[in-house]
Amino acid sequence: MTYEESLKQLEDIVRKMEAGDYSIDELAEKLTLAQQLISQCKEKLSKSDTEIKKILEKS
């Protein structure tokens, strides 16, 4: 899953949470998924940051 896909899915979860669209059982499941998506996004951003720094150092 790309960063953009993960972020869109996370945004959808937040929007539905704010609207109260989830039951308590669904909410627990979606919170777990949101945590996983946040971790994935952080990891991808960190990896991109590292790659950019390497490219800039070569310049």
Protein backbone atom coordinates (compact mmCIF):
# COMPACT_ATOMS: atom_id res chain seq x y z
CA MET A 1 0.00 0.00 0.00
CA THR A 2 1.36 3.41 -0.92
CA TYR A 3 1.68 6.31 1.50
CA GLU A 4 -1.20 8.08 -0.22
CA GLU A 5 -3.46 5.01 0.03
CA SER A 6 -2.63 4.57 3.72
CA LEU A 7 -3.28 8.23 4.41
CA LYS A 8 -6.61 8.18 2.54
CA GLN A 9 -7.74 5.12 4.47
CA LEU A 10 -6.71 6.79 7.73
CA GLU A 11 -8.60 9.95 6.80
CA ASP A 12 -11.70 7.88 6.00
CA ILE A 13 -11.52 6.18 9.39
CA VAL A 14 -11.17 9.52 11.20
CA ARG A 15 -14.05 11.05 9.26
CA LYS A 16 -16.34 8.12 10.10
CA MET A 17 -15.25 8.18 13.76
CA GLU A 18 -16.05 11.87 14.00
CA ALA A 19 -19.44 11.26 12.39
CA GLY A 20 -20.19 8.44 14.85
CA ASP A 21 -20.60 5.88 12.07
CA TYR A 22 -18.95 3.02 13.96
CA SER A 23 -20.38 0.77 16.63
CA ILE A 24 -18.26 0.18 19.74
CA ASP A 25 -17.00 -3.13 18.31
CA GLU A 26 -16.15 -1.53 14.97
CA LEU A 27 -14.50 1.40 16.72
CA ALA A 28 -12.02 -0.85 18.53
CA GLU A 29 -11.19 -2.59 15.26
CA LYS A 30 -10.80 0.69 13.36
CA LEU A 31 -8.60 2.18 16.09
CA THR A 32 -6.25 -0.78 15.76
CA LEU A 33 -6.20 -0.37 11.99
CA ALA A 34 -5.60 3.38 12.36
CA GLN A 35 -2.59 2.71 14.60
CA GLN A 36 -1.17 0.35 11.97
CA LEU A 37 -1.74 2.90 9.21
CA ILE A 38 -0.05 5.63 11.24
CA SER A 39 2.96 3.38 11.79
CA GLN A 40 3.14 2.59 8.07
CA CYS A 41 2.95 6.27 7.16
CA LYS A 42 5.66 7.21 9.67
CA GLU A 43 7.90 4.44 8.37
CA LYS A 44 7.44 5.49 4.74
CA LEU A 45 8.11 9.16 5.59
CA SER A 46 11.22 8.23 7.54
CA LYS A 47 12.50 6.08 4.70
CA SER A 48 11.85 8.85 2.17
CA ASP A 49 13.58 11.38 4.42
CA THR A 50 16.64 9.14 4.66
CA GLU A 51 16.74 8.64 0.89
CA ILE A 52 16.43 12.39 0.25
CA LYS A 53 19.25 13.14 2.70
CA LYS A 54 21.49 10.61 0.91
CA ILE A 55 20.74 12.20 -2.44
CA LEU A 56 21.44 15.70 -1.11
CA GLU A 57 24.73 14.57 0.43
CA LYS A 58 25.91 13.32 -2.96
CA SER A 59 25.22 16.69 -4.57
